[in-house]
């Protein structure tokens, strides 16, 4: 069994009287796709905020790559190999695909921001940017302005930007959001291909994609994990069917 790369223990996060994360312990293993599912308001985005360092838990711990990162700032977690893609695409629309990724390479390398002209001609930035675009299947669109890419291509570009830092784990916040059937299928194939390079924690409402991709699934309801297991185990859980899939428990 692969070692846990990301592990939380007893995480609690409150907003006033609301317990958004309720004594949550999960493990994401090296090289697996672990899906986090649950109804709206279940606390998925709050959890990701704590994992990335945008939010500080009220209690509990977060370990990544063998280190306690509970109080580490965002950039320190990124340097350890934790990368995130957002629910809303965050590409620079006026720049080309390769310029977007080259800027991400520059940021991950810890350089201070330089003029875009440097990004356009600096081989130390462009070559790894090209490699990231190849990984997501966008190399043929490298020179295209991000604004003219399709929605699915923009999500691919965002993943290429996350890959620029050679992460050990990707936190993917609804990568299929807003996609049609064909684009979703393409994204499933891409994530399956990338699994060999890094582990993933996947938040996704598209259940077909979740069950096609996930090695393990954790189900959140009101900030609490009600089940965690393989896709077959989650499908067979009466509590999950009742609380999340809308079926009566038997």
Protein backbone atom coordinates (compact mmCIF):
# COMPACT_ATOMS: atom_id res chain seq x y z
CA UNK A 1 0.00 0.00 0.00
CA UNK A 2 1.38 3.42 -0.96
CA UNK A 3 2.38 5.80 1.80
CA UNK A 4 0.08 8.73 2.58
CA UNK A 5 1.46 11.83 0.88
CA UNK A 6 -1.21 14.14 2.30
CA UNK A 7 -2.81 13.48 5.67
CA UNK A 8 -5.16 15.44 7.90
CA UNK A 9 -5.97 14.52 11.48
CA UNK A 10 -8.88 15.93 13.47
CA UNK A 11 -9.27 19.08 11.38
CA UNK A 12 -11.87 21.52 12.70
CA UNK A 13 -12.78 24.84 11.10
CA UNK A 14 -15.58 27.06 12.40
CA UNK A 15 -17.13 30.20 11.00
CA UNK A 16 -19.04 31.61 13.95
CA UNK A 17 -21.55 28.92 14.93
CA UNK A 18 -21.07 26.96 11.70
CA UNK A 19 -18.74 23.97 11.84
CA UNK A 20 -17.47 23.82 8.24
CA UNK A 21 -14.88 21.10 8.92
CA UNK A 22 -15.88 18.65 11.62
CA UNK A 23 -13.04 16.56 13.09
CA UNK A 24 -11.93 15.50 9.61
CA UNK A 25 -9.18 12.94 9.03
CA UNK A 26 -8.31 11.85 5.49
CA UNK A 27 -5.31 10.38 3.70
CA UNK A 28 -4.31 10.79 0.06
CA UNK A 29 -1.67 8.30 -1.00
CA UNK A 30 1.26 8.77 -3.34
CA UNK A 31 0.20 8.21 -6.96
CA UNK A 32 -3.55 7.87 -6.38
CA UNK A 33 -6.57 9.91 -7.41
CA UNK A 34 -8.64 10.51 -4.29
CA UNK A 35 -12.02 12.12 -4.95
CA UNK A 36 -13.79 14.31 -2.43
CA UNK A 37 -17.54 14.45 -3.01
CA UNK A 38 -20.58 15.76 -1.18
CA UNK A 39 -23.57 18.07 -1.61
CA UNK A 40 -23.21 21.85 -1.83
CA UNK A 41 -22.24 23.22 1.57
CA UNK A 42 -20.53 19.99 2.62
CA UNK A 43 -17.25 21.81 3.31
CA UNK A 44 -15.16 20.66 0.34
CA UNK A 45 -13.84 24.10 -0.64
CA UNK A 46 -13.20 24.99 3.02
CA UNK A 47 -11.08 21.86 3.35
CA UNK A 48 -9.06 22.70 0.23
CA UNK A 49 -8.51 26.21 1.59
CA UNK A 50 -6.95 24.68 4.71
CA UNK A 51 -4.82 22.26 2.69
CA UNK A 52 -3.39 25.04 0.54
CA UNK A 53 -2.85 27.49 3.40
CA UNK A 54 -5.53 30.01 2.45
CA UNK A 55 -7.38 29.14 5.67
CA UNK A 56 -5.96 28.13 9.03
CA UNK A 57 -7.78 25.33 10.88
CA UNK A 58 -8.98 26.00 14.41
CA UNK A 59 -7.54 22.66 15.48
CA UNK A 60 -6.07 19.51 13.99
CA UNK A 61 -3.04 18.94 11.79
CA UNK A 62 -2.10 18.70 8.10
CA UNK A 63 0.94 16.70 7.00
CA UNK A 64 2.31 16.76 3.46
CA UNK A 65 5.39 14.92 2.19
CA UNK A 66 6.25 13.87 5.73
CA UNK A 67 6.12 17.39 7.19
CA UNK A 68 3.65 19.17 9.43
CA UNK A 69 2.45 22.00 7.17
CA UNK A 70 -0.50 23.11 9.31
CA UNK A 71 0.97 26.58 9.85
CA UNK A 72 3.13 26.88 6.74
CA UNK A 73 2.26 29.71 4.30
CA UNK A 74 0.97 29.00 0.80
CA UNK A 75 4.32 29.47 -0.99
CA UNK A 76 6.08 27.03 1.35
CA UNK A 77 3.50 24.33 0.56
CA UNK A 78 3.92 25.01 -3.15
CA UNK A 79 7.68 24.58 -2.79
CA UNK A 80 7.08 21.19 -1.15
CA UNK A 81 5.08 20.13 -4.22
CA UNK A 82 1.44 20.95 -3.49
CA UNK A 83 -0.31 22.65 -6.42
CA UNK A 84 -3.91 23.77 -6.90
CA UNK A 85 -6.19 24.47 -9.82
CA UNK A 86 -9.22 26.63 -9.14
CA UNK A 87 -12.94 26.16 -9.78
CA UNK A 88 -12.95 29.31 -11.94
CA UNK A 89 -10.29 29.45 -14.64
CA UNK A 90 -7.42 31.73 -13.66
CA UNK A 91 -5.46 32.11 -16.91
CA UNK A 92 -4.22 35.45 -18.27
CA UNK A 93 -6.55 35.75 -21.24
CA UNK A 94 -4.54 38.30 -23.22
CA UNK A 95 -1.37 36.18 -23.14
CA UNK A 96 -0.70 33.11 -25.29
CA UNK A 97 -0.86 29.62 -23.85
CA UNK A 98 2.91 29.26 -23.70
CA UNK A 99 3.32 32.71 -22.14
CA UNK A 100 0.88 31.73 -19.39
CA UNK A 101 2.83 28.59 -18.61
CA UNK A 102 6.21 30.34 -18.89
CA UNK A 103 5.07 32.87 -16.30
CA UNK A 104 4.06 29.97 -14.05
CA UNK A 105 7.49 28.37 -14.54
CA UNK A 106 9.07 31.70 -13.60
CA UNK A 107 6.93 32.02 -10.46
CA UNK A 108 7.64 28.43 -9.34
CA UNK A 109 11.37 29.03 -9.81
CA UNK A 110 11.13 31.87 -7.29
CA UNK A 111 12.22 34.62 -9.67
CA UNK A 112 10.94 38.11 -9.21
CA UNK A 113 8.55 39.15 -11.97
CA UNK A 114 10.33 40.16 -15.15
CA UNK A 115 9.05 41.77 -18.33
CA UNK A 116 6.93 39.62 -20.60
CA UNK A 117 9.60 40.02 -23.29
CA UNK A 118 11.90 37.91 -21.12
CA UNK A 119 9.27 35.20 -20.90
CA UNK A 120 8.82 35.17 -24.67
CA UNK A 121 12.50 34.62 -25.41
CA UNK A 122 14.02 32.98 -22.33
CA UNK A 123 14.69 29.31 -23.20
CA UNK A 124 14.95 28.38 -19.52
CA UNK A 125 11.29 29.36 -19.20
CA UNK A 126 9.93 28.41 -22.62
CA UNK A 127 11.31 24.86 -22.78
CA UNK A 128 9.70 23.64 -19.53
CA UNK A 129 6.56 25.56 -20.50
CA UNK A 130 6.46 23.66 -23.80
CA UNK A 131 6.89 20.37 -21.96
CA UNK A 132 3.93 21.16 -19.68
CA UNK A 133 1.79 22.04 -22.70
CA UNK A 134 2.76 18.73 -24.31
CA UNK A 135 1.70 16.85 -21.17
CA UNK A 136 -1.82 18.28 -21.38
CA UNK A 137 -2.08 18.04 -25.17
CA UNK A 138 -1.95 21.77 -25.89
CA UNK A 139 1.44 22.01 -27.61
CA UNK A 140 -0.24 22.63 -30.98
CA UNK A 141 -2.03 25.62 -29.43
CA UNK A 142 1.04 27.12 -27.73
CA UNK A 143 0.92 30.45 -29.59
CA UNK A 144 -2.84 30.93 -29.36
CA UNK A 145 -4.13 33.70 -27.04
CA UNK A 146 -5.75 32.13 -23.99
CA UNK A 147 -8.90 34.17 -24.61
CA UNK A 148 -9.54 32.28 -27.85
CA UNK A 149 -9.12 28.80 -26.36
CA UNK A 150 -12.26 26.80 -25.68
CA UNK A 151 -13.41 26.40 -22.08
CA UNK A 152 -12.00 22.86 -21.97
CA UNK A 153 -8.67 24.04 -23.40
CA UNK A 154 -8.47 26.80 -20.80
CA UNK A 155 -8.88 24.18 -18.05
CA UNK A 156 -6.10 22.14 -19.69
CA UNK A 157 -3.95 25.27 -19.74
CA UNK A 158 -4.58 25.87 -16.05
CA UNK A 159 -3.44 22.32 -15.29
CA UNK A 160 -0.32 22.88 -17.43
CA UNK A 161 0.41 25.96 -15.30
CA UNK A 162 0.02 23.89 -12.13
CA UNK A 163 2.36 21.25 -13.57
CA UNK A 164 5.03 23.89 -14.22
CA UNK A 165 6.25 23.49 -10.66
CA UNK A 166 6.58 19.68 -11.01
CA UNK A 167 4.19 19.07 -8.10
CA UNK A 168 3.90 15.85 -6.14
CA UNK A 169 0.17 16.42 -5.70
CA UNK A 170 -2.54 18.37 -7.52
CA UNK A 171 -5.61 19.72 -5.75
CA UNK A 172 -8.24 19.93 -8.49
CA UNK A 173 -11.35 21.97 -7.71
CA UNK A 174 -14.11 20.92 -10.14
CA UNK A 175 -11.97 20.62 -13.30
CA UNK A 176 -15.06 19.52 -15.31
CA UNK A 177 -17.19 22.52 -14.26
CA UNK A 178 -18.97 24.04 -17.26
CA UNK A 179 -17.82 21.36 -19.70
CA UNK A 180 -19.90 19.44 -22.21
CA UNK A 181 -19.82 15.67 -22.46
CA UNK A 182 -16.94 15.49 -24.96
CA UNK A 183 -14.76 17.97 -23.06
CA UNK A 184 -15.41 16.10 -19.80
CA UNK A 185 -14.36 12.83 -21.42
CA UNK A 186 -11.17 14.48 -22.68
CA UNK A 187 -10.42 15.77 -19.17
CA UNK A 188 -10.96 12.31 -17.68
CA UNK A 189 -8.41 10.90 -20.15
CA UNK A 190 -5.95 13.69 -19.33
CA UNK A 191 -6.17 13.19 -15.57
CA UNK A 192 -5.83 9.44 -15.98
CA UNK A 193 -2.66 10.05 -18.02
CA UNK A 194 -1.24 12.48 -15.42
CA UNK A 195 -1.82 10.07 -12.54
CA UNK A 196 1.56 8.45 -13.23
CA UNK A 197 3.26 11.80 -12.53
CA UNK A 198 1.55 12.96 -9.33
CA UNK A 199 -1.20 12.19 -6.87
CA UNK A 200 -4.46 14.12 -7.00
CA UNK A 201 -7.21 15.21 -4.65
CA UNK A 202 -10.20 15.73 -6.91
CA UNK A 203 -13.30 17.74 -5.99
CA UNK A 204 -15.94 17.10 -8.63
CA UNK A 205 -19.73 17.04 -9.04
CA UNK A 206 -19.61 14.94 -12.21
CA UNK A 207 -20.19 11.50 -10.71
CA UNK A 208 -19.43 9.68 -13.97
CA UNK A 209 -15.99 11.31 -13.95
CA UNK A 210 -15.45 10.60 -10.25
CA UNK A 211 -16.24 6.90 -10.55
CA UNK A 212 -14.20 6.61 -13.75
CA UNK A 213 -11.10 8.18 -12.18
CA UNK A 214 -10.97 7.70 -8.44
CA UNK A 215 -8.96 5.02 -6.67
CA UNK A 216 -10.66 6.05 -3.44
CA UNK A 217 -13.49 8.41 -2.54
CA UNK A 218 -14.29 10.34 0.63
CA UNK A 219 -17.85 11.60 1.10
CA UNK A 220 -18.39 14.80 3.09
CA UNK A 221 -21.69 15.88 4.63
CA UNK A 222 -21.79 19.00 6.85
CA UNK A 223 -18.00 18.96 7.13
CA UNK A 224 -17.84 15.37 8.34
CA UNK A 225 -16.56 12.34 6.43
CA UNK A 226 -19.42 9.83 6.43
CA UNK A 227 -17.58 7.27 4.28
CA UNK A 228 -14.22 6.66 2.66
CA UNK A 229 -13.29 3.76 0.41
CA UNK A 230 -13.05 2.40 -3.09
CA UNK A 231 -15.67 3.38 -5.69
CA UNK A 232 -17.38 -0.01 -5.23
CA UNK A 233 -17.49 0.46 -1.47
CA UNK A 234 -18.96 3.95 -1.84
CA UNK A 235 -21.59 2.74 -4.32
CA UNK A 236 -22.60 -0.01 -1.87
CA UNK A 237 -22.87 2.26 1.18
CA UNK A 238 -26.51 2.79 2.28
CA UNK A 239 -25.48 5.89 4.25
CA UNK A 240 -23.90 7.45 1.15
CA UNK A 241 -26.90 6.65 -1.02
CA UNK A 242 -29.20 8.21 1.55
CA UNK A 243 -27.15 11.30 2.36
CA UNK A 244 -25.67 12.11 -1.02
CA UNK A 245 -27.19 10.12 -3.88
CA UNK A 246 -30.74 10.75 -2.68
CA UNK A 247 -31.79 7.14 -2.15
CA UNK A 248 -33.44 5.72 0.92
CA UNK A 249 -31.15 3.77 3.24
CA UNK A 250 -32.15 0.14 3.62
